[in-house]
PDB file of N, CA and C in Angstrom:
ATOM      1  N   MET A   1       5.269 -48.806  21.244  1.00  0.00           N
ATOM      2  CA  MET A   1       4.515 -47.974  21.957  1.00  0.00           C
ATOM      3  C   MET A   1       5.830 -46.943  23.150  1.00  0.00           C
ATOM      4  N   TRP A   2       6.081 -45.247  22.397  1.00  0.00           N
ATOM      5  CA  TRP A   2       7.388 -45.147  23.399  1.00  0.00           C
ATOM      6  C   TRP A   2       7.035 -44.069  24.836  1.00  0.00           C
ATOM      7  N   ALA A   3       6.877 -43.774  25.619  1.00  0.00           N
ATOM      8  CA  ALA A   3       6.402 -42.061  26.070  1.00  0.00           C
ATOM      9  C   ALA A   3       7.422 -41.378  26.393  1.00  0.00           C
ATOM     10  N   GLY A   4       8.618 -40.812  25.737  1.00  0.00           N
ATOM     11  CA  GLY A   4       9.057 -40.035  26.734  1.00  0.00           C
ATOM     12  C   GLY A   4       8.881 -39.238  27.318  1.00  0.00           C
ATOM     13  N   ALA A   5      10.338 -39.134  28.120  1.00  0.00           N
ATOM     14  CA  ALA A   5      10.715 -37.914  28.395  1.00  0.00           C
ATOM     15  C   ALA A   5       9.460 -37.399  29.152  1.00  0.00           C
ATOM     16  N   SER A   6       9.236 -36.883  28.251  1.00  0.00           N
ATOM     17  CA  SER A   6       8.515 -35.165  28.491  1.00  0.00           C
ATOM     18  C   SER A   6       6.849 -35.598  27.710  1.00  0.00           C
ATOM     19  N   GLY A   7       6.387 -37.318  28.189  1.00  0.00           N
ATOM     20  CA  GLY A   7       5.189 -36.994  28.596  1.00  0.00           C
ATOM     21  C   GLY A   7       4.981 -37.608  27.370  1.00  0.00           C
ATOM     22  N   PHE A   8       5.058 -37.038  25.568  1.00  0.00           N
ATOM     23  CA  PHE A   8       4.567 -36.899  24.171  1.00  0.00           C
ATOM     24  C   PHE A   8       4.805 -37.996  24.274  1.00  0.00           C
ATOM     25  N   LEU A   9       3.937 -38.930  23.186  1.00  0.00           N
ATOM     26  CA  LEU A   9       4.414 -39.846  22.616  1.00  0.00           C
ATOM     27  C   LEU A   9       4.718 -40.199  21.073  1.00  0.00           C
ATOM     28  N   VAL A  10       5.654 -41.236  21.082  1.00  0.00           N
ATOM     29  CA  VAL A  10       6.447 -40.473  20.083  1.00  0.00           C
ATOM     30  C   VAL A  10       5.738 -41.545  18.927  1.00  0.00           C
ATOM     31  N   LYS A  11       4.946 -41.967  18.723  1.00  0.00           N
ATOM     32  CA  LYS A  11       4.004 -41.975  17.435  1.00  0.00           C
ATOM     33  C   LYS A  11       3.616 -41.187  16.889  1.00  0.00           C
ATOM     34  N   ASP A  12       3.048 -39.757  18.304  1.00  0.00           N
ATOM     35  CA  ASP A  12       2.021 -39.072  17.475  1.00  0.00           C
ATOM     36  C   ASP A  12       3.313 -37.558  17.700  1.00  0.00           C
ATOM     37  N   ALA A  13       4.646 -37.117  17.468  1.00  0.00           N
ATOM     38  CA  ALA A  13       5.626 -36.551  16.943  1.00  0.00           C
ATOM     39  C   ALA A  13       5.470 -36.750  15.684  1.00  0.00           C
ATOM     40  N   LEU A  14       6.023 -35.759  15.363  1.00  0.00           N
ATOM     41  CA  LEU A  14       6.548 -34.752  14.000  1.00  0.00           C
ATOM     42  C   LEU A  14       7.553 -35.198  13.709  1.00  0.00           C
ATOM     43  N   GLY A  15       8.221 -35.939  12.061  1.00  0.00           N
ATOM     44  CA  GLY A  15      10.131 -36.311  12.350  1.00  0.00           C
ATOM     45  C   GLY A  15      10.620 -35.635  13.022  1.00  0.00           C
ATOM     46  N   GLU A  16      10.394 -33.425  12.708  1.00  0.00           N
ATOM     47  CA  GLU A  16      10.971 -33.421  12.516  1.00  0.00           C
ATOM     48  C   GLU A  16      11.443 -33.040  14.226  1.00  0.00           C
ATOM     49  N   GLU A  17       9.133 -32.684  14.822  1.00  0.00           N
ATOM     50  CA  GLU A  17      10.226 -32.334  16.603  1.00  0.00           C
ATOM     51  C   GLU A  17      11.873 -33.586  16.984  1.00  0.00           C
ATOM     52  N   ILE A  18      11.260 -35.169  16.650  1.00  0.00           N
ATOM     53  CA  ILE A  18      11.348 -35.982  17.292  1.00  0.00           C
ATOM     54  C   ILE A  18      13.386 -35.312  16.811  1.00  0.00           C
ATOM     55  N   LEU A  19      13.361 -35.578  15.776  1.00  0.00           N
ATOM     56  CA  LEU A  19      14.784 -35.415  15.388  1.00  0.00           C
ATOM     57  C   LEU A  19      16.021 -33.662  16.419  1.00  0.00           C
ATOM     58  N   VAL A  20      14.431 -32.190  16.912  1.00  0.00           N
ATOM     59  CA  VAL A  20      14.547 -31.370  17.556  1.00  0.00           C
ATOM     60  C   VAL A  20      15.157 -31.951  18.122  1.00  0.00           C
ATOM     61  N   THR A  21      14.903 -32.898  19.521  1.00  0.00           N
ATOM     62  CA  THR A  21      14.479 -33.214  20.702  1.00  0.00           C
ATOM     63  C   THR A  21      15.890 -34.805  20.339  1.00  0.00           C
ATOM     64  N   VAL A  22      16.377 -35.185  19.915  1.00  0.00           N
ATOM     65  CA  VAL A  22      17.138 -36.447  19.895  1.00  0.00           C
ATOM     66  C   VAL A  22      18.529 -35.282  19.410  1.00  0.00           C
ATOM     67  N   ARG A  23      18.358 -33.765  19.188  1.00  0.00           N
ATOM     68  CA  ARG A  23      20.249 -33.494  19.039  1.00  0.00           C
ATOM     69  C   ARG A  23      20.245 -32.733  19.997  1.00  0.00           C
ATOM     70  N   ALA A  24      19.303 -31.597  20.810  1.00  0.00           N
ATOM     71  CA  ALA A  24      18.852 -31.037  21.901  1.00  0.00           C
ATOM     72  C   ALA A  24      19.685 -32.354  23.294  1.00  0.00           C
ATOM     73  N   VAL A  25      19.280 -33.602  23.386  1.00  0.00           N
ATOM     74  CA  VAL A  25      19.771 -34.015  23.514  1.00  0.00           C
ATOM     75  C   VAL A  25      20.996 -34.519  23.992  1.00  0.00           C
ATOM     76  N   LEU A  26      21.042 -35.003  22.974  1.00  0.00           N
ATOM     77  CA  LEU A  26      22.739 -35.045  22.414  1.00  0.00           C
ATOM     78  C   LEU A  26      23.946 -33.837  22.592  1.00  0.00           C
ATOM     79  N   HIS A  27      23.254 -32.854  22.957  1.00  0.00           N
ATOM     80  CA  HIS A  27      24.364 -31.253  22.783  1.00  0.00           C
ATOM     81  C   HIS A  27      23.417 -31.267  24.293  1.00  0.00           C
ATOM     82  N   GLY A  28      23.032 -32.477  25.379  1.00  0.00           N
ATOM     83  CA  GLY A  28      23.850 -32.377  26.844  1.00  0.00           C
ATOM     84  C   GLY A  28      22.171 -31.643  27.144  1.00  0.00           C
ATOM     85  N   ASP A  29      21.466 -31.408  27.007  1.00  0.00           N
ATOM     86  CA  ASP A  29      19.521 -30.208  27.181  1.00  0.00           C
ATOM     87  C   ASP A  29      19.292 -31.387  27.059  1.00  0.00           C
ATOM     88  N   VAL A  30      18.032 -30.596  27.611  1.00  0.00           N
ATOM     89  CA  VAL A  30      16.906 -31.638  28.659  1.00  0.00           C
ATOM     90  C   VAL A  30      15.590 -30.995  29.034  1.00  0.00           C
ATOM     91  N   MET A  31      15.189 -32.609  28.315  1.00  0.00           N
ATOM     92  CA  MET A  31      13.360 -32.046  26.887  1.00  0.00           C
ATOM     93  C   MET A  31      12.567 -32.477  27.953  1.00  0.00           C
ATOM     94  N   MET A  32      11.448 -30.831  28.442  1.00  0.00           N
ATOM     95  CA  MET A  32      10.280 -31.984  29.279  1.00  0.00           C
ATOM     96  C   MET A  32       9.080 -31.603  27.667  1.00  0.00           C
ATOM     97  N   GLY A  33       8.364 -31.705  28.477  1.00  0.00           N
ATOM     98  CA  GLY A  33       7.116 -31.505  28.202  1.00  0.00           C
ATOM     99  C   GLY A  33       6.092 -30.361  28.698  1.00  0.00           C
ATOM    100  N   PRO A  34       5.458 -29.165  27.946  1.00  0.00           N
ATOM    101  CA  PRO A  34       4.900 -28.651  28.761  1.00  0.00           C
ATOM    102  C   PRO A  34       3.877 -29.088  30.236  1.00  0.00           C
ATOM    103  N   SER A  35       3.615 -29.972  29.405  1.00  0.00           N
ATOM    104  CA  SER A  35       3.107 -29.889  30.510  1.00  0.00           C
ATOM    105  C   SER A  35       3.926 -30.655  32.061  1.00  0.00           C
ATOM    106  N   VAL A  36       4.671 -31.192  31.714  1.00  0.00           N
ATOM    107  CA  VAL A  36       5.845 -31.330  33.186  1.00  0.00           C
ATOM    108  C   VAL A  36       6.380 -30.863  33.492  1.00  0.00           C
ATOM    109  N   ILE A  37       6.919 -29.651  32.828  1.00  0.00           N
ATOM    110  CA  ILE A  37       7.375 -28.387  33.098  1.00  0.00           C
ATOM    111  C   ILE A  37       5.740 -27.290  33.465  1.00  0.00           C
ATOM    112  N   ARG A  38       4.922 -27.534  33.665  1.00  0.00           N
ATOM    113  CA  ARG A  38       3.582 -27.024  34.119  1.00  0.00           C
ATOM    114  C   ARG A  38       3.429 -27.641  36.171  1.00  0.00           C
ATOM    115  N   ARG A  39       3.473 -28.517  35.390  1.00  0.00           N
ATOM    116  CA  ARG A  39       3.793 -30.007  37.088  1.00  0.00           C
ATOM    117  C   ARG A  39       5.115 -29.066  38.243  1.00  0.00           C
ATOM    118  N   LEU A  40       6.377 -28.719  38.378  1.00  0.00           N
ATOM    119  CA  LEU A  40       6.695 -28.825  38.152  1.00  0.00           C
ATOM    120  C   LEU A  40       6.591 -26.592  38.681  1.00  0.00           C
ATOM    121  N   VAL A  41       6.476 -26.591  38.385  1.00  0.00           N
ATOM    122  CA  VAL A  41       6.225 -25.035  38.459  1.00  0.00           C
ATOM    123  C   VAL A  41       5.025 -25.094  39.733  1.00  0.00           C
ATOM    124  N   GLU A  42       3.776 -25.263  39.379  1.00  0.00           N
ATOM    125  CA  GLU A  42       3.494 -25.605  40.671  1.00  0.00           C
ATOM    126  C   GLU A  42       4.205 -26.312  42.126  1.00  0.00           C
ATOM    127  N   ARG A  43       4.503 -27.179  41.748  1.00  0.00           N
ATOM    128  CA  ARG A  43       5.313 -28.153  43.359  1.00  0.00           C
ATOM    129  C   ARG A  43       6.232 -27.116  43.816  1.00  0.00           C
ATOM    130  N   PHE A  44       7.365 -26.318  42.969  1.00  0.00           N
ATOM    131  CA  PHE A  44       8.896 -25.999  43.653  1.00  0.00           C
ATOM    132  C   PHE A  44       8.389 -24.540  42.726  1.00  0.00           C
ATOM    133  N   VAL A  45       7.952 -23.270  42.344  1.00  0.00           N
ATOM    134  CA  VAL A  45       7.728 -22.262  42.479  1.00  0.00           C
ATOM    135  C   VAL A  45       6.754 -20.824  42.611  1.00  0.00           C
ATOM    136  N   LEU A  46       5.863 -22.022  42.433  1.00  0.00           N
ATOM    137  CA  LEU A  46       4.944 -21.218  42.867  1.00  0.00           C
ATOM    138  C   LEU A  46       4.778 -21.368  44.398  1.00  0.00           C
ATOM    139  N   PRO A  47       4.627 -21.695  45.328  1.00  0.00           N
ATOM    140  CA  PRO A  47       4.930 -21.703  47.176  1.00  0.00           C
ATOM    141  C   PRO A  47       5.402 -19.831  47.659  1.00  0.00           C
ATOM    142  N   ALA A  48       6.884 -19.786  46.587  1.00  0.00           N
ATOM    143  CA  ALA A  48       7.977 -18.376  46.472  1.00  0.00           C
ATOM    144  C   ALA A  48       7.311 -17.593  45.964  1.00  0.00           C
ATOM    145  N   ALA A  49       5.999 -18.316  45.644  1.00  0.00           N
ATOM    146  CA  ALA A  49       6.003 -16.461  43.934  1.00  0.00           C
ATOM    147  C   ALA A  49       5.107 -15.226  44.534  1.00  0.00           C
ATOM    148  N   SER A  50       5.715 -14.217  43.913  1.00  0.00           N
ATOM    149  CA  SER A  50       5.110 -13.087  44.598  1.00  0.00           C
ATOM    150  C   SER A  50       3.565 -12.817  44.327  1.00  0.00           C
ATOM    151  N   THR A  51       2.694 -12.461  45.614  1.00  0.00           N
ATOM    152  CA  THR A  51       1.470 -11.841  44.602  1.00  0.00           C
ATOM    153  C   THR A  51       0.878 -10.710  43.844  1.00  0.00           C
ATOM    154  N   VAL A  52       2.641  -9.678  44.167  1.00  0.00           N
ATOM    155  CA  VAL A  52       2.477  -8.210  43.749  1.00  0.00           C
ATOM    156  C   VAL A  52       2.510  -8.373  41.870  1.00  0.00           C
ATOM    157  N   PRO A  53       1.688  -7.657  41.441  1.00  0.00           N
ATOM    158  CA  PRO A  53       2.014  -7.972  39.795  1.00  0.00           C
ATOM    159  C   PRO A  53       3.007  -7.415  39.737  1.00  0.00           C
ATOM    160  N   ASP A  54       3.736  -7.914  38.518  1.00  0.00           N
ATOM    161  CA  ASP A  54       4.482  -7.373  38.468  1.00  0.00           C
ATOM    162  C   ASP A  54       4.286  -6.751  36.198  1.00  0.00           C
ATOM    163  N   GLU A  55       4.789  -5.287  36.470  1.00  0.00           N
ATOM    164  CA  GLU A  55       4.500  -4.391  36.144  1.00  0.00           C
ATOM    165  C   GLU A  55       4.926  -4.232  34.833  1.00  0.00           C
ATOM    166  N   ARG A  56       6.371  -5.674  34.298  1.00  0.00           N
ATOM    167  CA  ARG A  56       6.487  -5.890  32.366  1.00  0.00           C
ATOM    168  C   ARG A  56       5.152  -6.986  31.980  1.00  0.00           C
ATOM    169  N   LEU A  57       3.968  -6.911  33.136  1.00  0.00           N
ATOM    170  CA  LEU A  57       3.027  -6.481  32.054  1.00  0.00           C
ATOM    171  C   LEU A  57       2.363  -6.165  31.060  1.00  0.00           C
ATOM    172  N   ASP A  58       2.674  -5.090  31.513  1.00  0.00           N
ATOM    173  CA  ASP A  58       2.261  -3.686  30.904  1.00  0.00           C
ATOM    174  C   ASP A  58       2.875  -4.040  29.304  1.00  0.00           C
ATOM    175  N   LEU A  59       4.043  -4.462  29.494  1.00  0.00           N
ATOM    176  CA  LEU A  59       4.827  -5.069  27.906  1.00  0.00           C
ATOM    177  C   LEU A  59       3.833  -5.092  26.959  1.00  0.00           C
ATOM    178  N   LEU A  60       2.698  -6.727  27.351  1.00  0.00           N
ATOM    179  CA  LEU A  60       2.239  -7.471  26.371  1.00  0.00           C
ATOM    180  C   LEU A  60       1.484  -6.748  26.293  1.00  0.00           C
ATOM    181  N   THR A  61       0.615  -6.714  24.886  1.00  0.00           N
ATOM    182  CA  THR A  61      -0.540  -7.078  24.513  1.00  0.00           C
ATOM    183  C   THR A  61      -1.412  -7.712  24.878  1.00  0.00           C
ATOM    184  N   ALA A  62      -3.082  -7.968  24.851  1.00  0.00           N
ATOM    185  CA  ALA A  62      -3.809  -8.824  24.962  1.00  0.00           C
ATOM    186  C   ALA A  62      -3.876 -10.019  24.273  1.00  0.00           C
ATOM    187  N   ARG A  63      -3.085  -9.735  23.047  1.00  0.00           N
ATOM    188  CA  ARG A  63      -3.112 -11.221  22.757  1.00  0.00           C
ATOM    189  C   ARG A  63      -1.984 -11.614  22.963  1.00  0.00           C
ATOM    190  N   GLU A  64      -0.399 -10.681  23.239  1.00  0.00           N
ATOM    191  CA  GLU A  64       0.968 -11.805  23.582  1.00  0.00           C
ATOM    192  C   GLU A  64      -0.220 -12.410  25.330  1.00  0.00           C
ATOM    193  N   ARG A  65      -0.536 -11.905  26.236  1.00  0.00           N
ATOM    194  CA  ARG A  65      -1.907 -12.100  27.423  1.00  0.00           C
ATOM    195  C   ARG A  65      -1.889 -13.771  26.514  1.00  0.00           C
ATOM    196  N   GLU A  66      -2.925 -14.187  25.939  1.00  0.00           N
ATOM    197  CA  GLU A  66      -3.740 -15.151  25.738  1.00  0.00           C
ATOM    198  C   GLU A  66      -2.545 -16.247  25.339  1.00  0.00           C
ATOM    199  N   VAL A  67      -1.650 -15.871  24.466  1.00  0.00           N
ATOM    200  CA  VAL A  67      -0.825 -16.840  24.181  1.00  0.00           C
ATOM    201  C   VAL A  67       0.344 -16.859  25.823  1.00  0.00           C
ATOM    202  N   LEU A  68       0.675 -16.242  26.012  1.00  0.00           N
ATOM    203  CA  LEU A  68       1.385 -16.412  27.208  1.00  0.00           C
ATOM    204  C   LEU A  68       0.476 -17.237  28.243  1.00  0.00           C
ATOM    205  N   THR A  69      -1.126 -17.494  28.599  1.00  0.00           N
ATOM    206  CA  THR A  69      -2.162 -18.009  29.149  1.00  0.00           C
ATOM    207  C   THR A  69      -2.016 -19.589  29.156  1.00  0.00           C
ATOM    208  N   LEU A  70      -1.424 -19.445  26.779  1.00  0.00           N
ATOM    209  CA  LEU A  70      -1.966 -20.623  26.790  1.00  0.00           C
ATOM    210  C   LEU A  70      -1.172 -21.874  27.056  1.00  0.00           C
ATOM    211  N   VAL A  71      -0.018 -20.709  26.736  1.00  0.00           N
ATOM    212  CA  VAL A  71       0.713 -22.522  27.393  1.00  0.00           C
ATOM    213  C   VAL A  71       2.278 -22.313  28.070  1.00  0.00           C
ATOM    214  N   THR A  72       1.375 -21.714  29.667  1.00  0.00           N
ATOM    215  CA  THR A  72       1.221 -22.151  30.687  1.00  0.00           C
ATOM    216  C   THR A  72       0.035 -22.935  31.175  1.00  0.00           C
ATOM    217  N   ARG A  73      -0.844 -23.355  29.833  1.00  0.00           N
ATOM    218  CA  ARG A  73      -1.372 -24.756  30.541  1.00  0.00           C
ATOM    219  C   ARG A  73      -1.950 -25.706  30.045  1.00  0.00           C
ATOM    220  N   GLY A  74       0.308 -25.446  29.032  1.00  0.00           N
ATOM    221  CA  GLY A  74       0.861 -26.540  28.385  1.00  0.00           C
ATOM    222  C   GLY A  74       0.398 -27.344  26.518  1.00  0.00           C
ATOM    223  N   LEU A  75      -0.201 -25.818  26.675  1.00  0.00           N
ATOM    224  CA  LEU A  75      -0.332 -26.279  24.695  1.00  0.00           C
ATOM    225  C   LEU A  75       0.542 -26.086  24.652  1.00  0.00           C
ATOM    226  N   GLY A  76       1.094 -26.374  22.963  1.00  0.00           N
ATOM    227  CA  GLY A  76       2.291 -27.143  22.296  1.00  0.00           C
ATOM    228  C   GLY A  76       1.481 -25.604  21.298  1.00  0.00           C
ATOM    229  N   ASN A  77       1.950 -25.479  20.475  1.00  0.00           N
ATOM    230  CA  ASN A  77       2.526 -23.849  19.310  1.00  0.00           C
ATOM    231  C   ASN A  77       0.856 -24.593  18.314  1.00  0.00           C
ATOM    232  N   GLN A  78       0.807 -25.161  17.820  1.00  0.00           N
ATOM    233  CA  GLN A  78      -0.191 -25.526  16.625  1.00  0.00           C
ATOM    234  C   GLN A  78      -1.045 -25.733  17.696  1.00  0.00           C
ATOM    235  N   GLU A  79      -1.545 -26.323  19.249  1.00  0.00           N
ATOM    236  CA  GLU A  79      -2.416 -25.949  20.204  1.00  0.00           C
ATOM    237  C   GLU A  79      -3.252 -24.721  20.200  1.00  0.00           C
ATOM    238  N   ILE A  80      -2.351 -24.006  20.390  1.00  0.00           N
ATOM    239  CA  ILE A  80      -2.646 -22.777  20.555  1.00  0.00           C
ATOM    240  C   ILE A  80      -3.898 -21.441  19.160  1.00  0.00           C
ATOM    241  N   ALA A  81      -3.006 -21.564  18.180  1.00  0.00           N
ATOM    242  CA  ALA A  81      -3.972 -21.749  16.962  1.00  0.00           C
ATOM    243  C   ALA A  81      -4.511 -21.960  16.733  1.00  0.00           C
ATOM    244  N   THR A  82      -4.804 -23.365  16.583  1.00  0.00           N
ATOM    245  CA  THR A  82      -5.890 -23.673  16.907  1.00  0.00           C
ATOM    246  C   THR A  82      -7.262 -23.230  17.543  1.00  0.00           C
ATOM    247  N   ARG A  83      -6.904 -23.185  18.439  1.00  0.00           N
ATOM    248  CA  ARG A  83      -7.772 -22.571  20.031  1.00  0.00           C
ATOM    249  C   ARG A  83      -8.166 -21.108  19.573  1.00  0.00           C
ATOM    250  N   LEU A  84      -6.486 -20.023  18.861  1.00  0.00           N
ATOM    251  CA  LEU A  84      -6.931 -18.718  18.838  1.00  0.00           C
ATOM    252  C   LEU A  84      -7.169 -18.875  17.619  1.00  0.00           C
ATOM    253  N   PHE A  85      -7.256 -19.134  17.167  1.00  0.00           N
ATOM    254  CA  PHE A  85      -7.426 -19.046  15.204  1.00  0.00           C
ATOM    255  C   PHE A  85      -6.384 -18.179  14.718  1.00  0.00           C
ATOM    256  N   LEU A  86      -5.202 -18.522  14.733  1.00  0.00           N
ATOM    257  CA  LEU A  86      -4.158 -18.215  14.145  1.00  0.00           C
ATOM    258  C   LEU A  86      -3.195 -19.376  13.305  1.00  0.00           C
ATOM    259  N   GLY A  87      -2.166 -18.616  13.146  1.00  0.00           N
ATOM    260  CA  GLY A  87      -1.571 -19.779  12.140  1.00  0.00           C
ATOM    261  C   GLY A  87      -0.534 -19.639  12.875  1.00  0.00           C
ATOM    262  N   GLU A  88       0.546 -21.071  13.281  1.00  0.00           N
ATOM    263  CA  GLU A  88       1.385 -21.763  13.765  1.00  0.00           C
ATOM    264  C   GLU A  88       2.675 -20.388  13.980  1.00  0.00           C
ATOM    265  N   THR A  89       2.862 -19.982  12.174  1.00  0.00           N
ATOM    266  CA  THR A  89       3.264 -18.887  12.359  1.00  0.00           C
ATOM    267  C   THR A  89       3.390 -17.957  13.603  1.00  0.00           C
ATOM    268  N   THR A  90       2.272 -17.228  13.154  1.00  0.00           N
ATOM    269  CA  THR A  90       1.712 -15.652  14.293  1.00  0.00           C
ATOM    270  C   THR A  90       2.299 -16.721  15.487  1.00  0.00           C
ATOM    271  N   VAL A  91       1.390 -17.514  16.277  1.00  0.00           N
ATOM    272  CA  VAL A  91       1.837 -18.055  17.887  1.00  0.00           C
ATOM    273  C   VAL A  91       3.249 -18.275  17.637  1.00  0.00           C
ATOM    274  N   LYS A  92       4.301 -18.445  16.770  1.00  0.00           N
ATOM    275  CA  LYS A  92       5.824 -18.466  17.558  1.00  0.00           C
ATOM    276  C   LYS A  92       6.036 -17.272  17.318  1.00  0.00           C
ATOM    277  N   THR A  93       5.274 -15.841  16.964  1.00  0.00           N
ATOM    278  CA  THR A  93       5.972 -14.932  16.421  1.00  0.00           C
ATOM    279  C   THR A  93       5.521 -14.203  17.211  1.00  0.00           C
ATOM    280  N   HIS A  94       4.060 -14.643  18.188  1.00  0.00           N
ATOM    281  CA  HIS A  94       3.905 -13.950  19.447  1.00  0.00           C
ATOM    282  C   HIS A  94       4.733 -14.575  21.321  1.00  0.00           C
ATOM    283  N   LEU A  95       5.285 -15.487  20.437  1.00  0.00           N
ATOM    284  CA  LEU A  95       5.362 -16.038  21.920  1.00  0.00           C
ATOM    285  C   LEU A  95       7.275 -15.781  21.804  1.00  0.00           C
ATOM    286  N   GLY A  96       8.630 -15.101  20.005  1.00  0.00           N
ATOM    287  CA  GLY A  96       9.452 -14.777  20.196  1.00  0.00           C
ATOM    288  C   GLY A  96       9.108 -13.056  20.334  1.00  0.00           C
ATOM    289  N   ARG A  97       8.516 -11.863  20.571  1.00  0.00           N
ATOM    290  CA  ARG A  97       7.764 -11.225  21.124  1.00  0.00           C
ATOM    291  C   ARG A  97       7.330 -11.103  22.793  1.00  0.00           C
ATOM    292  N   ILE A  98       6.351 -11.782  22.804  1.00  0.00           N
ATOM    293  CA  ILE A  98       6.636 -12.102  24.108  1.00  0.00           C
ATOM    294  C   ILE A  98       8.356 -12.145  25.493  1.00  0.00           C
ATOM    295  N   LEU A  99       8.438 -13.130  24.211  1.00  0.00           N
ATOM    296  CA  LEU A  99      10.354 -13.523  25.739  1.00  0.00           C
ATOM    297  C   LEU A  99      11.050 -12.633  25.153  1.00  0.00           C
ATOM    298  N   GLY A 100      11.156 -11.680  24.124  1.00  0.00           N
ATOM    299  CA  GLY A 100      11.940 -10.273  24.347  1.00  0.00           C
ATOM    300  C   GLY A 100      11.762  -9.357  25.182  1.00  0.00           C
ATOM    301  N   LYS A 101      10.068  -9.450  25.804  1.00  0.00           N
ATOM    302  CA  LYS A 101       9.539  -8.237  25.620  1.00  0.00           C
ATOM    303  C   LYS A 101      10.116  -8.427  26.874  1.00  0.00           C
ATOM    304  N   LEU A 102       9.690  -9.781  28.068  1.00  0.00           N
ATOM    305  CA  LEU A 102       9.879  -9.531  28.836  1.00  0.00           C
ATOM    306  C   LEU A 102      11.117 -10.152  28.658  1.00  0.00           C
ATOM    307  N   GLU A 103      12.541 -10.517  28.403  1.00  0.00           N
ATOM    308  CA  GLU A 103      14.107 -10.544  28.714  1.00  0.00           C
ATOM    309  C   GLU A 103      13.755 -12.478  28.985  1.00  0.00           C
ATOM    310  N   LEU A 104      13.573 -12.983  28.322  1.00  0.00           N
ATOM    311  CA  LEU A 104      13.343 -14.034  28.704  1.00  0.00           C
ATOM    312  C   LEU A 104      14.140 -15.370  28.048  1.00  0.00           C
ATOM    313  N   PRO A 105      14.748 -16.052  28.295  1.00  0.00           N
ATOM    314  CA  PRO A 105      15.403 -16.516  26.820  1.00  0.00           C
ATOM    315  C   PRO A 105      14.352 -17.901  26.828  1.00  0.00           C
ATOM    316  N   ASP A 106      13.743 -18.360  26.870  1.00  0.00           N
ATOM    317  CA  ASP A 106      13.268 -19.431  26.791  1.00  0.00           C
ATOM    318  C   ASP A 106      11.374 -20.343  27.069  1.00  0.00           C
ATOM    319  N   ARG A 107      10.577 -21.066  26.544  1.00  0.00           N
ATOM    320  CA  ARG A 107       9.286 -20.406  27.297  1.00  0.00           C
ATOM    321  C   ARG A 107       8.853 -21.532  28.967  1.00  0.00           C
ATOM    322  N   VAL A 108       9.891 -22.563  29.379  1.00  0.00           N
ATOM    323  CA  VAL A 108      10.250 -22.061  30.543  1.00  0.00           C
ATOM    324  C   VAL A 108       9.584 -21.106  31.316  1.00  0.00           C
ATOM    325  N   HIS A 109      10.799 -20.056  31.117  1.00  0.00           N
ATOM    326  CA  HIS A 109      11.171 -18.765  32.538  1.00  0.00           C
ATOM    327  C   HIS A 109       9.475 -18.549  31.527  1.00  0.00           C
ATOM    328  N   ALA A 110       8.852 -18.325  30.379  1.00  0.00           N
ATOM    329  CA  ALA A 110       8.160 -17.872  30.134  1.00  0.00           C
ATOM    330  C   ALA A 110       6.858 -18.227  31.647  1.00  0.00           C
ATOM    331  N   VAL A 111       6.788 -19.522  30.836  1.00  0.00           N
ATOM    332  CA  VAL A 111       5.497 -20.161  31.867  1.00  0.00           C
ATOM    333  C   VAL A 111       6.070 -19.622  33.606  1.00  0.00           C
ATOM    334  N   ILE A 112       6.568 -19.690  33.976  1.00  0.00           N
ATOM    335  CA  ILE A 112       8.083 -19.222  35.678  1.00  0.00           C
ATOM    336  C   ILE A 112       7.583 -17.623  35.315  1.00  0.00           C
ATOM    337  N   PHE A 113       7.423 -17.052  34.459  1.00  0.00           N
ATOM    338  CA  PHE A 113       6.911 -15.444  35.126  1.00  0.00           C
ATOM    339  C   PHE A 113       6.024 -14.908  34.800  1.00  0.00           C
ATOM    340  N   ALA A 114       4.936 -16.066  33.814  1.00  0.00           N
ATOM    341  CA  ALA A 114       3.513 -15.828  34.013  1.00  0.00           C
ATOM    342  C   ALA A 114       2.593 -16.068  35.216  1.00  0.00           C
ATOM    343  N   TYR A 115       3.199 -17.312  36.348  1.00  0.00           N
ATOM    344  CA  TYR A 115       3.272 -18.022  37.201  1.00  0.00           C
ATOM    345  C   TYR A 115       3.038 -16.441  38.898  1.00  0.00           C
ATOM    346  N   GLU A 116       4.554 -16.263  38.494  1.00  0.00           N
ATOM    347  CA  GLU A 116       5.346 -15.187  39.408  1.00  0.00           C
ATOM    348  C   GLU A 116       5.072 -13.761  39.494  1.00  0.00           C
ATOM    349  N   SER A 117       4.269 -13.245  38.213  1.00  0.00           N
ATOM    350  CA  SER A 117       4.193 -12.292  38.278  1.00  0.00           C
ATOM    351  C   SER A 117       2.297 -12.105  38.348  1.00  0.00           C
ATOM    352  N   GLY A 118       1.290 -13.477  38.477  1.00  0.00           N
ATOM    353  CA  GLY A 118       0.331 -12.840  38.782  1.00  0.00           C
ATOM    354  C   GLY A 118      -0.803 -13.007  37.553  1.00  0.00           C
ATOM    355  N   LEU A 119      -0.699 -13.690  36.351  1.00  0.00           N
ATOM    356  CA  LEU A 119      -0.569 -13.420  35.318  1.00  0.00           C
ATOM    357  C   LEU A 119      -1.662 -14.921  35.819  1.00  0.00           C
ATOM    358  N   VAL A 120      -1.635 -16.149  35.604  1.00  0.00           N
ATOM    359  CA  VAL A 120      -2.124 -16.836  35.777  1.00  0.00           C
ATOM    360  C   VAL A 120      -1.666 -17.376  37.664  1.00  0.00           C
ATOM    361  N   ARG A 121      -2.967 -18.690  37.596  1.00  0.00           N
ATOM    362  CA  ARG A 121      -2.908 -18.693  39.325  1.00  0.00           C
ATOM    363  C   ARG A 121      -2.872 -20.061  38.781  1.00  0.00           C
ATOM    364  N   VAL A 122      -2.691 -21.322  39.881  1.00  0.00           N
ATOM    365  CA  VAL A 122      -3.521 -22.746  40.139  1.00  0.00           C
ATOM    366  C   VAL A 122      -4.619 -22.916  39.968  1.00  0.00           C
ATOM    367  N   GLY A 123      -4.763 -23.615  38.777  1.00  0.00           N
ATOM    368  CA  GLY A 123      -5.711 -24.362  38.958  1.00  0.00           C
ATOM    369  C   GLY A 123      -7.027 -22.880  38.361  1.00  0.00           C
ATOM    370  N   GLY A 124      -6.602 -21.730  38.019  1.00  0.00           N
ATOM    371  CA  GLY A 124      -7.750 -20.700  37.273  1.00  0.00           C
ATOM    372  C   GLY A 124      -7.378 -20.778  35.957  1.00  0.00           C
TER     373      GLY A 124
END
């Protein structure tokens, strides 16, 4: 049994997830699991984070805020879907809308935004 750099066990990963990860790494991307990203944000981003709420939060619906909050806790799309009683495709749609509304390139930047904007706090 091998634990990848992202912290997930390969034996628990879906075949498609492994292929996406391998292809990304072959193209020079670095793959990290959500929990690793969260720890990095807590360690390096939060000390410099603003305490003033970001007005862009008003662009998000209540459901989008829920999804973003769960993303910051390190949950994957399927886990979020289960918690919110949604389909995984619906979660992906919400994430896409969140990234679009906030003009963010990826999930990592969304997590950073959530902390910097005051949507979530360490330990909260």
